[in-house]
Amino acid sequence: MAQPQKINGSNVLGLFRLEKNAATEKAAIINYQTSLDFEFKRDSDSTSTKTGSLSTSGSLETTIKFSFVDNISKVSDDIRTSILNAEPAELWQVQLDRKNSEGKYFGCYVRGTVSSDSAKNDDGDNSTRECEFKCDGTPQYGWTDLDATIKEALSYAYQGIGVISDSDKQGGGKAYNTITDRGLGSATGK
């Protein structure tokens, strides 16, 4: 039997976009995220009958809480715009550890509005924001592409000191290979 794969919290990202911009802009990473929490909640009640209790379930409520180091970016401003103007927005929770055979990443998609946005600006520390997003309807799960810009923002590859061009994207450099390059050097004769 296959071992279940754990999900690393560092590899779960939040992406955000104002709904009105869906036709003209891609969703973007919430920069410098420090946390992303999804909470699904359904109130339940029971009615006592002569033959036992009957339970009923209320509607699903989904709340997303996320924190990030405040920054000057379009996404940061759009989050603020959503709460100030009650503007509908879209939010994705994407799991980088879960990829299908087509190279797409597993994610949860929700629509709603930012319902709180609290800034902390302590002396000698980074300014941070803690936000809450209330979802409309039921979250939807599926698979999504991550474009090169988003992948670049997540990590970068080794680059040499040369000029970066279309024909040489690594500027004359070559990334270290932990298998083939171990112990390699002029003194080893390799």
N, C-alpha and C. Protein backbone atom coordinates (compact mmCIF):
# COMPACT_ATOMS: atom_id res chain seq x y z
N MET A 1 0.84 -1.18 0.00
CA MET A 1 0.00 0.00 0.00
C MET A 1 0.90 1.25 0.00
N ALA A 2 0.54 2.20 -0.80
CA ALA A 2 1.33 3.44 -0.91
C ALA A 2 1.20 4.28 0.36
N GLN A 3 2.30 4.88 0.74
CA GLN A 3 2.33 5.79 1.89
C GLN A 3 1.63 7.09 1.51
N PRO A 4 0.78 7.64 2.37
CA PRO A 4 0.19 8.94 2.07
C PRO A 4 1.27 10.01 2.04
N GLN A 5 1.12 10.95 1.15
CA GLN A 5 2.09 12.04 1.05
C GLN A 5 1.62 13.20 1.91
N LYS A 6 2.49 13.67 2.79
CA LYS A 6 2.12 14.81 3.62
C LYS A 6 2.20 16.09 2.79
N ILE A 7 1.47 17.09 3.22
CA ILE A 7 1.46 18.38 2.53
C ILE A 7 2.20 19.38 3.41
N ASN A 8 3.20 20.00 2.85
CA ASN A 8 3.99 21.00 3.56
C ASN A 8 3.28 22.35 3.47
N GLY A 9 2.99 22.96 4.61
CA GLY A 9 2.29 24.24 4.64
C GLY A 9 2.97 25.33 3.85
N SER A 10 4.30 25.26 3.75
CA SER A 10 5.04 26.26 2.96
C SER A 10 4.72 26.15 1.48
N ASN A 11 4.21 25.00 1.06
CA ASN A 11 3.91 24.77 -0.35
C ASN A 11 2.43 24.90 -0.67
N VAL A 12 1.70 25.58 0.19
CA VAL A 12 0.29 25.89 -0.07
C VAL A 12 0.19 27.41 -0.20
N LEU A 13 -0.19 27.86 -1.37
CA LEU A 13 -0.17 29.29 -1.68
C LEU A 13 -1.56 29.87 -1.86
N GLY A 14 -1.70 31.13 -1.51
CA GLY A 14 -2.91 31.88 -1.80
C GLY A 14 -2.68 32.79 -2.99
N LEU A 15 -3.61 32.77 -3.93
CA LEU A 15 -3.60 33.69 -5.06
C LEU A 15 -4.89 34.48 -5.02
N PHE A 16 -4.87 35.70 -5.52
CA PHE A 16 -6.00 36.62 -5.34
C PHE A 16 -6.21 37.43 -6.62
N ARG A 17 -7.48 37.78 -6.86
CA ARG A 17 -7.81 38.67 -7.98
C ARG A 17 -9.18 39.28 -7.71
N LEU A 18 -9.34 40.56 -8.01
CA LEU A 18 -10.67 41.16 -7.97
C LEU A 18 -11.48 40.54 -9.11
N GLU A 19 -12.72 40.18 -8.83
CA GLU A 19 -13.55 39.50 -9.82
C GLU A 19 -13.74 40.33 -11.09
N LYS A 20 -13.82 41.65 -10.94
CA LYS A 20 -14.03 42.52 -12.11
C LYS A 20 -12.86 42.48 -13.09
N ASN A 21 -11.69 41.99 -12.64
CA ASN A 21 -10.50 41.95 -13.49
C ASN A 21 -10.27 40.58 -14.13
N ALA A 22 -11.22 39.66 -13.98
CA ALA A 22 -11.03 38.28 -14.45
C ALA A 22 -10.78 38.20 -15.96
N ALA A 23 -11.36 39.11 -16.74
CA ALA A 23 -11.20 39.06 -18.19
C ALA A 23 -9.89 39.69 -18.66
N THR A 24 -9.21 40.42 -17.79
CA THR A 24 -8.01 41.15 -18.23
C THR A 24 -6.74 40.82 -17.46
N GLU A 25 -6.84 40.18 -16.31
CA GLU A 25 -5.66 39.91 -15.48
C GLU A 25 -5.66 38.48 -14.96
N LYS A 26 -4.45 37.94 -14.83
CA LYS A 26 -4.30 36.65 -14.17
C LYS A 26 -4.33 36.87 -12.67
N ALA A 27 -4.71 35.85 -11.94
CA ALA A 27 -4.60 35.92 -10.48
C ALA A 27 -3.12 36.01 -10.13
N ALA A 28 -2.82 36.59 -8.98
CA ALA A 28 -1.42 36.77 -8.57
C ALA A 28 -1.23 36.25 -7.15
N ILE A 29 -0.01 35.85 -6.86
CA ILE A 29 0.34 35.38 -5.52
C ILE A 29 0.17 36.52 -4.53
N ILE A 30 -0.37 36.20 -3.37
CA ILE A 30 -0.35 37.15 -2.26
C ILE A 30 1.09 37.14 -1.76
N ASN A 31 1.81 38.21 -2.03
CA ASN A 31 3.24 38.27 -1.75
C ASN A 31 3.55 38.15 -0.26
N TYR A 32 4.64 37.50 0.06
CA TYR A 32 5.17 37.36 1.42
C TYR A 32 4.16 36.78 2.41
N GLN A 33 3.41 35.77 1.97
CA GLN A 33 2.44 35.11 2.84
C GLN A 33 3.14 34.45 4.02
N THR A 34 2.52 34.56 5.17
CA THR A 34 3.03 33.86 6.35
C THR A 34 2.05 32.80 6.83
N SER A 35 0.78 32.92 6.46
CA SER A 35 -0.20 31.88 6.81
C SER A 35 -1.38 31.94 5.85
N LEU A 36 -2.04 30.79 5.71
CA LEU A 36 -3.23 30.68 4.86
C LEU A 36 -4.09 29.57 5.48
N ASP A 37 -5.20 29.94 6.10
CA ASP A 37 -6.05 28.99 6.81
C ASP A 37 -7.44 28.96 6.21
N PHE A 38 -7.91 27.76 5.89
CA PHE A 38 -9.28 27.56 5.40
C PHE A 38 -10.09 26.95 6.53
N GLU A 39 -11.29 27.47 6.77
CA GLU A 39 -12.17 26.89 7.77
C GLU A 39 -13.54 26.64 7.14
N PHE A 40 -13.95 25.38 7.14
CA PHE A 40 -15.28 24.99 6.69
C PHE A 40 -16.12 24.75 7.93
N LYS A 41 -17.30 25.33 7.94
CA LYS A 41 -18.16 25.20 9.12
C LYS A 41 -19.60 25.01 8.67
N ARG A 42 -20.28 24.06 9.31
CA ARG A 42 -21.69 23.83 9.02
C ARG A 42 -22.39 23.63 10.35
N ASP A 43 -23.27 24.55 10.70
CA ASP A 43 -24.03 24.41 11.94
C ASP A 43 -25.00 23.25 11.79
N SER A 44 -25.22 22.56 12.89
CA SER A 44 -26.19 21.47 12.86
C SER A 44 -27.13 21.62 14.05
N ASP A 45 -28.29 21.06 13.89
CA ASP A 45 -29.30 21.12 14.94
C ASP A 45 -29.99 19.76 14.97
N SER A 46 -30.64 19.47 16.06
CA SER A 46 -31.39 18.22 16.12
C SER A 46 -32.77 18.48 16.70
N THR A 47 -33.69 17.67 16.25
CA THR A 47 -35.06 17.73 16.74
C THR A 47 -35.35 16.42 17.45
N SER A 48 -35.83 16.53 18.66
CA SER A 48 -36.15 15.35 19.43
C SER A 48 -37.51 14.81 18.98
N THR A 49 -37.57 13.52 18.69
CA THR A 49 -38.84 12.89 18.33
C THR A 49 -39.07 11.71 19.28
N LYS A 50 -40.23 11.11 19.21
CA LYS A 50 -40.56 9.98 20.08
C LYS A 50 -39.70 8.76 19.78
N THR A 51 -39.16 8.70 18.57
CA THR A 51 -38.34 7.53 18.20
C THR A 51 -36.84 7.86 18.15
N GLY A 52 -36.46 9.04 18.59
CA GLY A 52 -35.05 9.42 18.60
C GLY A 52 -34.84 10.79 17.95
N SER A 53 -33.62 11.23 17.95
CA SER A 53 -33.29 12.56 17.40
C SER A 53 -33.13 12.51 15.89
N LEU A 54 -33.53 13.60 15.25
CA LEU A 54 -33.29 13.81 13.83
C LEU A 54 -32.39 15.02 13.70
N SER A 55 -31.28 14.85 13.01
CA SER A 55 -30.37 15.99 12.87
C SER A 55 -30.58 16.68 11.52
N THR A 56 -30.33 17.97 11.53
CA THR A 56 -30.39 18.77 10.30
C THR A 56 -29.10 19.57 10.21
N SER A 57 -28.67 19.79 9.00
CA SER A 57 -27.44 20.56 8.79
C SER A 57 -27.78 21.91 8.18
N GLY A 58 -27.08 22.92 8.66
CA GLY A 58 -27.23 24.25 8.10
C GLY A 58 -26.37 24.39 6.85
N SER A 59 -26.35 25.59 6.30
CA SER A 59 -25.57 25.82 5.09
C SER A 59 -24.08 25.91 5.44
N LEU A 60 -23.26 25.63 4.45
CA LEU A 60 -21.82 25.65 4.62
C LEU A 60 -21.33 27.09 4.68
N GLU A 61 -20.48 27.38 5.67
CA GLU A 61 -19.83 28.68 5.76
C GLU A 61 -18.34 28.44 5.62
N THR A 62 -17.72 29.18 4.72
CA THR A 62 -16.28 29.03 4.50
C THR A 62 -15.60 30.36 4.78
N THR A 63 -14.61 30.32 5.65
CA THR A 63 -13.83 31.51 5.99
C THR A 63 -12.37 31.20 5.73
N ILE A 64 -11.70 32.13 5.08
CA ILE A 64 -10.27 31.99 4.81
C ILE A 64 -9.56 33.12 5.54
N LYS A 65 -8.56 32.75 6.31
CA LYS A 65 -7.75 33.75 7.00
C LYS A 65 -6.34 33.66 6.43
N PHE A 66 -5.77 34.81 6.12
CA PHE A 66 -4.40 34.81 5.63
C PHE A 66 -3.65 36.02 6.16
N SER A 67 -2.36 35.83 6.33
CA SER A 67 -1.48 36.89 6.82
C SER A 67 -0.33 37.04 5.85
N PHE A 68 0.18 38.26 5.76
CA PHE A 68 1.34 38.49 4.91
C PHE A 68 2.08 39.73 5.38
N VAL A 69 3.36 39.78 5.02
CA VAL A 69 4.14 40.98 5.29
C VAL A 69 3.65 42.02 4.29
N ASP A 70 3.21 43.17 4.81
CA ASP A 70 2.65 44.21 3.94
C ASP A 70 3.70 44.64 2.92
N ASN A 71 3.23 44.97 1.75
CA ASN A 71 4.14 45.33 0.67
C ASN A 71 3.43 46.23 -0.32
N ILE A 72 4.20 46.87 -1.14
CA ILE A 72 3.64 47.74 -2.18
C ILE A 72 3.49 46.89 -3.42
N SER A 73 2.26 46.46 -3.68
CA SER A 73 1.99 45.62 -4.85
C SER A 73 0.52 45.76 -5.22
N LYS A 74 0.22 45.36 -6.44
CA LYS A 74 -1.16 45.41 -6.93
C LYS A 74 -2.06 44.51 -6.08
N VAL A 75 -1.57 43.33 -5.74
CA VAL A 75 -2.38 42.39 -4.96
C VAL A 75 -2.70 42.97 -3.58
N SER A 76 -1.70 43.54 -2.94
CA SER A 76 -1.91 44.16 -1.63
C SER A 76 -2.97 45.25 -1.71
N ASP A 77 -2.88 46.08 -2.74
CA ASP A 77 -3.87 47.14 -2.93
C ASP A 77 -5.25 46.58 -3.26
N ASP A 78 -5.30 45.51 -4.06
CA ASP A 78 -6.59 44.91 -4.43
C ASP A 78 -7.29 44.29 -3.21
N ILE A 79 -6.52 43.72 -2.30
CA ILE A 79 -7.11 43.18 -1.07
C ILE A 79 -7.77 44.30 -0.28
N ARG A 80 -7.08 45.42 -0.16
CA ARG A 80 -7.63 46.58 0.54
C ARG A 80 -8.87 47.11 -0.20
N THR A 81 -8.81 47.17 -1.52
CA THR A 81 -9.95 47.63 -2.31
C THR A 81 -11.17 46.76 -2.08
N SER A 82 -10.97 45.44 -1.98
CA SER A 82 -12.09 44.52 -1.78
C SER A 82 -12.85 44.85 -0.50
N ILE A 83 -12.13 45.13 0.59
CA ILE A 83 -12.85 45.43 1.84
C ILE A 83 -13.42 46.84 1.84
N LEU A 84 -12.66 47.81 1.34
CA LEU A 84 -13.14 49.20 1.38
C LEU A 84 -14.38 49.42 0.52
N ASN A 85 -14.43 48.76 -0.64
CA ASN A 85 -15.54 48.97 -1.57
C ASN A 85 -16.49 47.78 -1.65
N ALA A 86 -16.33 46.80 -0.77
CA ALA A 86 -17.14 45.58 -0.80
C ALA A 86 -17.12 44.95 -2.19
N GLU A 87 -15.93 44.94 -2.80
CA GLU A 87 -15.78 44.40 -4.16
C GLU A 87 -15.59 42.89 -4.14
N PRO A 88 -16.36 42.18 -4.93
CA PRO A 88 -16.20 40.73 -5.01
C PRO A 88 -14.81 40.37 -5.53
N ALA A 89 -14.27 39.31 -4.98
CA ALA A 89 -12.92 38.87 -5.36
C ALA A 89 -12.89 37.35 -5.48
N GLU A 90 -11.80 36.87 -6.04
CA GLU A 90 -11.57 35.44 -6.17
C GLU A 90 -10.29 35.10 -5.41
N LEU A 91 -10.29 33.91 -4.81
CA LEU A 91 -9.11 33.46 -4.07
C LEU A 91 -8.90 31.99 -4.36
N TRP A 92 -7.64 31.62 -4.54
CA TRP A 92 -7.26 30.24 -4.79
C TRP A 92 -6.31 29.78 -3.71
N GLN A 93 -6.49 28.55 -3.27
CA GLN A 93 -5.52 27.88 -2.40
C GLN A 93 -4.91 26.79 -3.28
N VAL A 94 -3.63 26.93 -3.62
CA VAL A 94 -2.97 26.00 -4.54
C VAL A 94 -1.92 25.19 -3.78
N GLN A 95 -1.97 23.87 -3.96
CA GLN A 95 -1.03 22.96 -3.30
C GLN A 95 0.08 22.57 -4.28
N LEU A 96 1.27 23.09 -4.05
CA LEU A 96 2.40 22.82 -4.94
C LEU A 96 2.88 21.38 -4.85
N ASP A 97 2.57 20.70 -3.75
CA ASP A 97 2.99 19.31 -3.57
C ASP A 97 2.07 18.32 -4.30
N ARG A 98 0.99 18.81 -4.86
CA ARG A 98 0.02 17.91 -5.49
C ARG A 98 -0.17 18.32 -6.95
N LYS A 99 0.43 17.54 -7.85
CA LYS A 99 0.41 17.86 -9.27
C LYS A 99 -0.09 16.64 -10.03
N ASN A 100 -0.92 16.86 -11.06
CA ASN A 100 -1.43 15.73 -11.84
C ASN A 100 -0.53 15.43 -13.04
N SER A 101 -0.90 14.44 -13.83
CA SER A 101 -0.08 14.01 -14.97
C SER A 101 0.01 15.07 -16.06
N GLU A 102 -0.89 16.05 -16.05
CA GLU A 102 -0.84 17.15 -17.03
C GLU A 102 0.02 18.31 -16.54
N GLY A 103 0.61 18.18 -15.35
CA GLY A 103 1.44 19.25 -14.81
C GLY A 103 0.64 20.36 -14.14
N LYS A 104 -0.64 20.10 -13.86
CA LYS A 104 -1.48 21.09 -13.20
C LYS A 104 -1.51 20.83 -11.70
N TYR A 105 -1.71 21.90 -10.95
CA TYR A 105 -1.67 21.84 -9.49
C TYR A 105 -3.08 21.81 -8.91
N PHE A 106 -3.23 21.05 -7.82
CA PHE A 106 -4.52 20.93 -7.14
C PHE A 106 -4.82 22.23 -6.39
N GLY A 107 -6.07 22.66 -6.48
CA GLY A 107 -6.42 23.90 -5.80
C GLY A 107 -7.88 23.99 -5.44
N CYS A 108 -8.16 24.92 -4.57
CA CYS A 108 -9.52 25.24 -4.16
C CYS A 108 -9.80 26.67 -4.61
N TYR A 109 -10.93 26.89 -5.25
CA TYR A 109 -11.31 28.19 -5.78
C TYR A 109 -12.55 28.69 -5.05
N VAL A 110 -12.51 29.94 -4.61
CA VAL A 110 -13.66 30.53 -3.93
C VAL A 110 -13.89 31.95 -4.43
N ARG A 111 -15.13 32.39 -4.28
CA ARG A 111 -15.51 33.78 -4.55
C ARG A 111 -16.09 34.37 -3.28
N GLY A 112 -15.89 35.66 -3.10
CA GLY A 112 -16.42 36.33 -1.92
C GLY A 112 -15.84 37.71 -1.79
N THR A 113 -15.74 38.19 -0.56
CA THR A 113 -15.15 39.51 -0.31
C THR A 113 -14.25 39.44 0.93
N VAL A 114 -13.30 40.35 0.96
CA VAL A 114 -12.47 40.48 2.15
C VAL A 114 -13.35 41.10 3.23
N SER A 115 -13.45 40.45 4.38
CA SER A 115 -14.33 40.94 5.45
C SER A 115 -13.58 41.62 6.58
N SER A 116 -12.26 41.41 6.65
CA SER A 116 -11.44 42.17 7.61
C SER A 116 -10.02 42.26 7.09
N ASP A 117 -9.37 43.36 7.42
CA ASP A 117 -7.99 43.60 6.99
C ASP A 117 -7.34 44.44 8.08
N SER A 118 -6.51 43.81 8.89
CA SER A 118 -5.91 44.46 10.04
C SER A 118 -4.40 44.59 9.82
N ALA A 119 -3.88 45.81 9.97
CA ALA A 119 -2.44 46.06 9.79
C ALA A 119 -1.76 46.22 11.14
N LYS A 120 -0.60 45.61 11.28
CA LYS A 120 0.23 45.77 12.47
C LYS A 120 1.53 46.43 12.03
N ASN A 121 1.85 47.54 12.67
CA ASN A 121 3.03 48.31 12.28
C ASN A 121 3.90 48.57 13.50
N ASP A 122 4.48 47.51 14.05
CA ASP A 122 5.30 47.62 15.26
C ASP A 122 6.69 48.16 14.92
N ASP A 123 7.23 48.94 15.83
CA ASP A 123 8.56 49.52 15.67
C ASP A 123 9.60 48.41 15.55
N GLY A 124 10.47 48.54 14.58
CA GLY A 124 11.56 47.59 14.40
C GLY A 124 11.16 46.27 13.80
N ASP A 125 9.96 46.17 13.28
CA ASP A 125 9.49 44.92 12.71
C ASP A 125 8.85 45.19 11.36
N ASN A 126 8.70 44.14 10.56
CA ASN A 126 7.99 44.30 9.30
C ASN A 126 6.52 44.59 9.57
N SER A 127 5.95 45.43 8.76
CA SER A 127 4.52 45.69 8.83
C SER A 127 3.80 44.45 8.31
N THR A 128 2.78 43.99 9.03
CA THR A 128 2.05 42.80 8.61
C THR A 128 0.57 43.10 8.50
N ARG A 129 -0.11 42.28 7.71
CA ARG A 129 -1.56 42.38 7.58
C ARG A 129 -2.18 41.02 7.81
N GLU A 130 -3.28 41.02 8.54
CA GLU A 130 -4.06 39.81 8.77
C GLU A 130 -5.43 40.05 8.17
N CYS A 131 -5.84 39.18 7.28
CA CYS A 131 -7.09 39.38 6.54
C CYS A 131 -8.00 38.17 6.70
N GLU A 132 -9.28 38.44 6.52
CA GLU A 132 -10.29 37.38 6.54
C GLU A 132 -11.13 37.54 5.28
N PHE A 133 -11.42 36.42 4.64
CA PHE A 133 -12.16 36.40 3.38
C PHE A 133 -13.39 35.53 3.59
N LYS A 134 -14.57 36.09 3.39
CA LYS A 134 -15.82 35.33 3.52
C LYS A 134 -16.25 34.87 2.13
N CYS A 135 -16.53 33.59 2.01
CA CYS A 135 -16.85 33.00 0.71
C CYS A 135 -18.35 33.01 0.44
N ASP A 136 -18.68 33.21 -0.81
CA ASP A 136 -20.05 33.06 -1.29
C ASP A 136 -20.17 31.66 -1.89
N GLY A 137 -21.24 30.98 -1.61
CA GLY A 137 -21.45 29.66 -2.21
C GLY A 137 -20.50 28.61 -1.68
N THR A 138 -20.32 27.56 -2.47
CA THR A 138 -19.52 26.41 -2.08
C THR A 138 -18.17 26.44 -2.78
N PRO A 139 -17.08 26.26 -2.04
CA PRO A 139 -15.75 26.20 -2.67
C PRO A 139 -15.70 25.10 -3.72
N GLN A 140 -14.93 25.33 -4.76
CA GLN A 140 -14.80 24.36 -5.85
C GLN A 140 -13.35 23.89 -5.94
N TYR A 141 -13.17 22.59 -6.08
CA TYR A 141 -11.83 22.01 -6.19
C TYR A 141 -11.55 21.62 -7.63
N GLY A 142 -10.29 21.74 -8.03
CA GLY A 142 -9.89 21.37 -9.38
C GLY A 142 -8.39 21.49 -9.56
N TRP A 143 -7.97 21.60 -10.82
CA TRP A 143 -6.55 21.63 -11.19
C TRP A 143 -6.28 22.89 -11.99
N THR A 144 -5.16 23.54 -11.72
CA THR A 144 -4.84 24.80 -12.40
C THR A 144 -3.38 24.84 -12.84
N ASP A 145 -3.14 25.59 -13.90
CA ASP A 145 -1.77 25.88 -14.34
C ASP A 145 -1.18 26.94 -13.44
N LEU A 146 0.12 26.96 -13.33
CA LEU A 146 0.83 28.09 -12.74
C LEU A 146 1.78 28.58 -13.82
N ASP A 147 1.64 29.84 -14.22
CA ASP A 147 2.48 30.34 -15.30
C ASP A 147 3.91 30.58 -14.84
N ALA A 148 4.78 30.86 -15.79
CA ALA A 148 6.21 31.03 -15.51
C ALA A 148 6.47 32.15 -14.51
N THR A 149 5.68 33.21 -14.56
CA THR A 149 5.87 34.34 -13.65
C THR A 149 5.66 33.90 -12.21
N ILE A 150 4.63 33.11 -11.97
CA ILE A 150 4.35 32.63 -10.62
C ILE A 150 5.44 31.65 -10.18
N LYS A 151 5.83 30.75 -11.06
CA LYS A 151 6.89 29.80 -10.72
C LYS A 151 8.20 30.53 -10.42
N GLU A 152 8.48 31.58 -11.17
CA GLU A 152 9.68 32.38 -10.93
C GLU A 152 9.65 33.04 -9.56
N ALA A 153 8.47 33.53 -9.18
CA ALA A 153 8.34 34.20 -7.89
C ALA A 153 8.57 33.22 -6.73
N LEU A 154 8.30 31.95 -6.96
CA LEU A 154 8.44 30.95 -5.91
C LEU A 154 9.89 30.52 -5.71
N SER A 155 10.63 30.46 -6.78
CA SER A 155 12.03 30.06 -6.67
C SER A 155 12.78 30.58 -7.88
N TYR A 156 14.06 30.56 -7.77
CA TYR A 156 14.85 30.98 -8.91
C TYR A 156 15.97 29.98 -9.13
N ALA A 157 16.49 29.96 -10.33
CA ALA A 157 17.55 29.02 -10.68
C ALA A 157 18.89 29.74 -10.65
N TYR A 158 19.94 28.95 -10.50
CA TYR A 158 21.28 29.52 -10.51
C TYR A 158 21.52 30.22 -11.84
N GLN A 159 22.17 31.38 -11.78
CA GLN A 159 22.55 32.11 -12.99
C GLN A 159 24.02 32.48 -12.90
N GLY A 160 24.68 32.42 -14.05
CA GLY A 160 26.07 32.84 -14.13
C GLY A 160 26.17 34.35 -14.20
N ILE A 161 27.42 34.85 -14.30
CA ILE A 161 27.63 36.30 -14.29
C ILE A 161 27.49 36.93 -15.67
N GLY A 162 27.27 36.11 -16.69
CA GLY A 162 27.14 36.62 -18.06
C GLY A 162 25.80 37.28 -18.30
N VAL A 163 25.66 37.79 -19.51
CA VAL A 163 24.43 38.45 -19.94
C VAL A 163 23.33 37.40 -20.13
N ILE A 164 22.16 37.70 -19.61
CA ILE A 164 21.00 36.82 -19.78
C ILE A 164 20.36 37.18 -21.12
N SER A 165 20.13 36.17 -21.95
CA SER A 165 19.55 36.43 -23.27
C SER A 165 18.61 35.29 -23.62
N ASP A 166 17.93 35.42 -24.77
CA ASP A 166 17.04 34.35 -25.22
C ASP A 166 17.81 33.06 -25.48
N SER A 167 19.04 33.19 -25.97
CA SER A 167 19.83 31.99 -26.28
C SER A 167 20.57 31.45 -25.05
N ASP A 168 20.77 32.27 -24.03
CA ASP A 168 21.47 31.84 -22.81
C ASP A 168 20.73 32.37 -21.59
N LYS A 169 19.75 31.62 -21.15
CA LYS A 169 18.89 32.07 -20.05
C LYS A 169 19.58 31.98 -18.69
N GLN A 170 20.75 31.34 -18.62
CA GLN A 170 21.47 31.22 -17.35
C GLN A 170 22.75 32.05 -17.31
N GLY A 171 22.94 32.93 -18.26
CA GLY A 171 24.10 33.82 -18.24
C GLY A 171 25.43 33.10 -18.14
N GLY A 172 25.57 31.99 -18.85
CA GLY A 172 26.82 31.25 -18.83
C GLY A 172 26.97 30.36 -17.61
N GLY A 173 25.96 30.30 -16.79
CA GLY A 173 26.02 29.48 -15.58
C GLY A 173 25.39 28.12 -15.77
N LYS A 174 25.61 27.25 -14.80
CA LYS A 174 25.00 25.93 -14.81
C LYS A 174 24.69 25.57 -13.36
N ALA A 175 23.49 25.13 -13.11
CA ALA A 175 23.07 24.78 -11.75
C ALA A 175 23.86 23.57 -11.25
N TYR A 176 24.15 23.55 -9.96
CA TYR A 176 24.85 22.45 -9.30
C TYR A 176 23.93 21.24 -9.24
N ASN A 177 24.44 20.07 -9.63
CA ASN A 177 23.68 18.83 -9.58
C ASN A 177 24.19 18.02 -8.39
N THR A 178 23.32 17.75 -7.43
CA THR A 178 23.73 17.07 -6.19
C THR A 178 24.18 15.63 -6.43
N ILE A 179 23.86 15.06 -7.57
CA ILE A 179 24.28 13.68 -7.88
C ILE A 179 25.61 13.68 -8.64
N THR A 180 25.65 14.36 -9.78
CA THR A 180 26.82 14.28 -10.65
C THR A 180 27.95 15.23 -10.27
N ASP A 181 27.67 16.28 -9.53
CA ASP A 181 28.70 17.28 -9.22
C ASP A 181 29.34 17.11 -7.84
N ARG A 182 28.89 16.14 -7.06
CA ARG A 182 29.48 15.93 -5.73
C ARG A 182 30.95 15.60 -5.84
N GLY A 183 31.77 16.33 -5.11
CA GLY A 183 33.20 16.06 -5.09
C GLY A 183 33.95 16.52 -6.32
N LEU A 184 33.28 17.16 -7.24
CA LEU A 184 33.89 17.60 -8.49
C LEU A 184 34.71 18.86 -8.27
N GLY A 185 35.94 18.88 -8.77
CA GLY A 185 36.80 20.06 -8.65
C GLY A 185 38.13 19.83 -9.33
N SER A 186 38.90 20.88 -9.50
CA SER A 186 40.18 20.76 -10.23
C SER A 186 41.16 19.84 -9.51
N ALA A 187 41.14 19.81 -8.19
CA ALA A 187 42.07 18.96 -7.44
C ALA A 187 41.71 17.49 -7.53
N THR A 188 40.46 17.19 -7.86
CA THR A 188 40.03 15.79 -7.93
C THR A 188 40.28 15.19 -9.30
N GLY A 189 40.63 16.03 -10.28
CA GLY A 189 40.88 15.54 -11.63
C GLY A 189 39.62 15.18 -12.37
N LYS A 190 38.48 15.57 -11.84
CA LYS A 190 37.20 15.27 -12.51
C LYS A 190 36.70 16.47 -13.25
